Amino acid sequence: MPAKNLLKGLSEMDPLVWHKVAGISGIAALGLGTYGAHVFKPANPAYKEVWHTASLYHLIHTAAMLAAPATRHPHIFGGLLTSGIIAFSGT
Protein backbone atom coordinates (compact mmCIF):
# COMPACT_ATOMS: atom_id res chain seq x y z
CA MET A 1 0.00 0.00 0.00
CA PRO A 2 1.55 3.33 -1.00
CA ALA A 3 2.19 5.83 1.77
CA LYS A 4 -0.30 8.28 0.28
CA ASN A 5 -3.14 5.75 0.57
CA LEU A 6 -2.09 4.85 4.12
CA LEU A 7 -2.23 8.51 5.19
CA LYS A 8 -5.61 8.91 3.49
CA GLY A 9 -6.90 5.90 5.42
CA LEU A 10 -5.69 7.36 8.69
CA SER A 11 -7.35 10.68 8.03
CA GLU A 12 -10.67 8.90 7.49
CA MET A 13 -10.39 6.94 10.73
CA ASP A 14 -12.47 8.30 13.61
CA PRO A 15 -10.20 10.11 16.12
CA LEU A 16 -12.47 8.97 18.96
CA VAL A 17 -11.08 5.46 18.50
CA TRP A 18 -8.31 6.63 20.87
CA HIS A 19 -10.88 6.86 23.67
CA LYS A 20 -11.59 3.16 23.16
CA VAL A 21 -7.87 2.35 23.11
CA ALA A 22 -7.43 4.41 26.30
CA GLY A 23 -10.28 2.50 27.95
CA ILE A 24 -8.71 -0.86 27.14
CA SER A 25 -5.29 0.41 28.20
CA GLY A 26 -6.71 1.77 31.45
CA ILE A 27 -8.30 -1.56 32.32
CA ALA A 28 -4.98 -3.28 31.62
CA ALA A 29 -3.09 -0.70 33.71
CA LEU A 30 -5.41 -1.14 36.68
CA GLY A 31 -5.29 -4.92 36.43
CA LEU A 32 -1.51 -5.03 36.19
CA GLY A 33 -1.15 -2.50 39.00
CA THR A 34 -3.44 -4.55 41.22
CA TYR A 35 -1.50 -7.70 40.39
CA GLY A 36 1.76 -5.94 41.25
CA ALA A 37 0.42 -4.64 44.55
CA HIS A 38 -1.22 -7.82 45.82
CA VAL A 39 0.15 -10.88 44.02
CA PHE A 40 3.61 -10.11 42.66
CA LYS A 41 6.19 -11.33 45.19
CA PRO A 42 9.61 -11.16 43.49
CA ALA A 43 12.73 -12.73 44.99
CA ASN A 44 14.51 -9.39 44.59
CA PRO A 45 12.55 -6.55 46.29
CA ALA A 46 13.91 -4.03 43.77
CA TYR A 47 11.71 -5.62 41.11
CA LYS A 48 8.64 -4.51 43.05
CA GLU A 49 9.71 -0.87 42.59
CA VAL A 50 10.33 -1.47 38.89
CA TRP A 51 6.83 -2.92 38.58
CA HIS A 52 5.37 0.09 40.40
CA THR A 53 7.18 2.53 38.07
CA ALA A 54 6.04 0.65 34.96
CA SER A 55 2.44 0.68 36.20
CA LEU A 56 2.63 4.41 36.88
CA TYR A 57 4.00 5.15 33.39
CA HIS A 58 1.29 2.99 31.86
CA LEU A 59 -1.41 4.92 33.73
CA ILE A 60 0.05 8.33 32.81
CA HIS A 61 0.26 7.42 29.12
CA THR A 62 -3.32 6.15 29.27
CA ALA A 63 -4.58 9.39 30.81
CA ALA A 64 -2.75 11.44 28.18
CA MET A 65 -4.27 9.29 25.43
CA LEU A 66 -7.70 10.65 26.34
CA ALA A 67 -6.58 13.98 24.85
CA ALA A 68 -5.68 12.43 21.48
CA PRO A 69 -8.93 13.36 19.67
CA ALA A 70 -8.40 17.03 20.61
CA THR A 71 -4.95 17.25 19.04
CA ARG A 72 -4.13 18.38 15.52
CA HIS A 73 -2.85 14.92 14.53
CA PRO A 74 -4.74 12.50 16.79
CA HIS A 75 -3.48 9.31 15.14
CA ILE A 76 0.17 10.28 15.41
CA PHE A 77 -0.32 11.39 19.02
CA GLY A 78 -2.24 8.24 19.96
CA GLY A 79 0.18 5.99 18.13
CA LEU A 80 3.17 7.51 19.89
CA LEU A 81 1.52 7.14 23.29
CA THR A 82 0.64 3.53 22.54
CA SER A 83 4.24 2.92 21.50
CA GLY A 84 5.38 4.52 24.76
CA ILE A 85 3.17 2.21 26.78
CA ILE A 86 4.59 -0.82 25.01
CA ALA A 87 8.21 0.35 25.11
CA PHE A 88 8.47 1.82 28.61
CA SER A 89 5.85 -0.05 30.61
CA GLY A 90 6.49 -3.38 28.93
CA THR A 91 10.25 -3.53 29.48
C-alpha atoms as a PDB file:
ATOM      1  CA  MET A   1       0.000   0.000   0.000  1.00  0.00           C
ATOM      2  CA  PRO A   2       1.547   3.330  -0.998  1.00  0.00           C
ATOM      3  CA  ALA A   3       2.190   5.827   1.773  1.00  0.00           C
ATOM      4  CA  LYS A   4      -0.299   8.284   0.280  1.00  0.00           C
ATOM      5  CA  ASN A   5      -3.136   5.748   0.567  1.00  0.00           C
ATOM      6  CA  LEU A   6      -2.094   4.851   4.118  1.00  0.00           C
ATOM      7  CA  LEU A   7      -2.233   8.512   5.188  1.00  0.00           C
ATOM      8  CA  LYS A   8      -5.609   8.908   3.489  1.00  0.00           C
ATOM      9  CA  GLY A   9      -6.898   5.896   5.416  1.00  0.00           C
ATOM     10  CA  LEU A  10      -5.688   7.357   8.692  1.00  0.00           C
ATOM     11  CA  SER A  11      -7.353  10.682   8.029  1.00  0.00           C
ATOM     12  CA  GLU A  12     -10.671   8.903   7.493  1.00  0.00           C
ATOM     13  CA  MET A  13     -10.388   6.938  10.734  1.00  0.00           C
ATOM     14  CA  ASP A  14     -12.472   8.297  13.609  1.00  0.00           C
ATOM     15  CA  PRO A  15     -10.201  10.107  16.120  1.00  0.00           C
ATOM     16  CA  LEU A  16     -12.470   8.972  18.961  1.00  0.00           C
ATOM     17  CA  VAL A  17     -11.076   5.462  18.504  1.00  0.00           C
ATOM     18  CA  TRP A  18      -8.313   6.628  20.866  1.00  0.00           C
ATOM     19  CA  HIS A  19     -10.880   6.856  23.675  1.00  0.00           C
ATOM     20  CA  LYS A  20     -11.588   3.157  23.159  1.00  0.00           C
ATOM     21  CA  VAL A  21      -7.873   2.351  23.106  1.00  0.00           C
ATOM     22  CA  ALA A  22      -7.427   4.413  26.296  1.00  0.00           C
ATOM     23  CA  GLY A  23     -10.275   2.500  27.950  1.00  0.00           C
ATOM     24  CA  ILE A  24      -8.706  -0.865  27.143  1.00  0.00           C
ATOM     25  CA  SER A  25      -5.293   0.415  28.195  1.00  0.00           C
ATOM     26  CA  GLY A  26      -6.715   1.773  31.449  1.00  0.00           C
ATOM     27  CA  ILE A  27      -8.305  -1.565  32.324  1.00  0.00           C
ATOM     28  CA  ALA A  28      -4.984  -3.279  31.620  1.00  0.00           C
ATOM     29  CA  ALA A  29      -3.085  -0.702  33.712  1.00  0.00           C
ATOM     30  CA  LEU A  30      -5.405  -1.137  36.676  1.00  0.00           C
ATOM     31  CA  GLY A  31      -5.293  -4.918  36.430  1.00  0.00           C
ATOM     32  CA  LEU A  32      -1.508  -5.030  36.188  1.00  0.00           C
ATOM     33  CA  GLY A  33      -1.147  -2.500  39.003  1.00  0.00           C
ATOM     34  CA  THR A  34      -3.439  -4.551  41.223  1.00  0.00           C
ATOM     35  CA  TYR A  35      -1.499  -7.701  40.388  1.00  0.00           C
ATOM     36  CA  GLY A  36       1.758  -5.937  41.246  1.00  0.00           C
ATOM     37  CA  ALA A  37       0.422  -4.641  44.549  1.00  0.00           C
ATOM     38  CA  HIS A  38      -1.219  -7.819  45.817  1.00  0.00           C
ATOM     39  CA  VAL A  39       0.152 -10.878  44.021  1.00  0.00           C
ATOM     40  CA  PHE A  40       3.615 -10.110  42.656  1.00  0.00           C
ATOM     41  CA  LYS A  41       6.192 -11.326  45.187  1.00  0.00           C
ATOM     42  CA  PRO A  42       9.612 -11.157  43.494  1.00  0.00           C
ATOM     43  CA  ALA A  43      12.730 -12.729  44.991  1.00  0.00           C
ATOM     44  CA  ASN A  44      14.514  -9.385  44.585  1.00  0.00           C
ATOM     45  CA  PRO A  45      12.548  -6.550  46.292  1.00  0.00           C
ATOM     46  CA  ALA A  46      13.915  -4.026  43.775  1.00  0.00           C
ATOM     47  CA  TYR A  47      11.706  -5.619  41.114  1.00  0.00           C
ATOM     48  CA  LYS A  48       8.641  -4.515  43.052  1.00  0.00           C
ATOM     49  CA  GLU A  49       9.711  -0.868  42.592  1.00  0.00           C
ATOM     50  CA  VAL A  50      10.331  -1.471  38.891  1.00  0.00           C
ATOM     51  CA  TRP A  51       6.825  -2.922  38.578  1.00  0.00           C
ATOM     52  CA  HIS A  52       5.369   0.091  40.400  1.00  0.00           C
ATOM     53  CA  THR A  53       7.177   2.530  38.072  1.00  0.00           C
ATOM     54  CA  ALA A  54       6.038   0.647  34.957  1.00  0.00           C
ATOM     55  CA  SER A  55       2.436   0.682  36.199  1.00  0.00           C
ATOM     56  CA  LEU A  56       2.634   4.410  36.877  1.00  0.00           C
ATOM     57  CA  TYR A  57       4.005   5.147  33.394  1.00  0.00           C
ATOM     58  CA  HIS A  58       1.288   2.990  31.857  1.00  0.00           C
ATOM     59  CA  LEU A  59      -1.414   4.922  33.728  1.00  0.00           C
ATOM     60  CA  ILE A  60       0.051   8.328  32.812  1.00  0.00           C
ATOM     61  CA  HIS A  61       0.264   7.424  29.117  1.00  0.00           C
ATOM     62  CA  THR A  62      -3.325   6.150  29.266  1.00  0.00           C
ATOM     63  CA  ALA A  63      -4.580   9.386  30.810  1.00  0.00           C
ATOM     64  CA  ALA A  64      -2.750  11.441  28.185  1.00  0.00           C
ATOM     65  CA  MET A  65      -4.273   9.293  25.433  1.00  0.00           C
ATOM     66  CA  LEU A  66      -7.704  10.654  26.342  1.00  0.00           C
ATOM     67  CA  ALA A  67      -6.581  13.978  24.851  1.00  0.00           C
ATOM     68  CA  ALA A  68      -5.677  12.431  21.484  1.00  0.00           C
ATOM     69  CA  PRO A  69      -8.930  13.365  19.672  1.00  0.00           C
ATOM     70  CA  ALA A  70      -8.403  17.030  20.611  1.00  0.00           C
ATOM     71  CA  THR A  71      -4.951  17.252  19.036  1.00  0.00           C
ATOM     72  CA  ARG A  72      -4.132  18.382  15.520  1.00  0.00           C
ATOM     73  CA  HIS A  73      -2.849  14.920  14.530  1.00  0.00           C
ATOM     74  CA  PRO A  74      -4.737  12.497  16.791  1.00  0.00           C
ATOM     75  CA  HIS A  75      -3.483   9.307  15.142  1.00  0.00           C
ATOM     76  CA  ILE A  76       0.169  10.276  15.413  1.00  0.00           C
ATOM     77  CA  PHE A  77      -0.320  11.386  19.025  1.00  0.00           C
ATOM     78  CA  GLY A  78      -2.243   8.244  19.965  1.00  0.00           C
ATOM     79  CA  GLY A  79       0.178   5.993  18.134  1.00  0.00           C
ATOM     80  CA  LEU A  80       3.172   7.510  19.887  1.00  0.00           C
ATOM     81  CA  LEU A  81       1.524   7.140  23.289  1.00  0.00           C
ATOM     82  CA  THR A  82       0.637   3.529  22.541  1.00  0.00           C
ATOM     83  CA  SER A  83       4.236   2.918  21.504  1.00  0.00           C
ATOM     84  CA  GLY A  84       5.384   4.521  24.758  1.00  0.00           C
ATOM     85  CA  ILE A  85       3.175   2.209  26.776  1.00  0.00           C
ATOM     86  CA  ILE A  86       4.593  -0.818  25.013  1.00  0.00           C
ATOM     87  CA  ALA A  87       8.213   0.353  25.114  1.00  0.00           C
ATOM     88  CA  PHE A  88       8.468   1.822  28.609  1.00  0.00           C
ATOM     89  CA  SER A  89       5.852  -0.052  30.608  1.00  0.00           C
ATOM     90  CA  GLY A  90       6.491  -3.378  28.932  1.00  0.00           C
ATOM     91  CA  THR A  91      10.246  -3.534  29.476  1.00  0.00           C
END
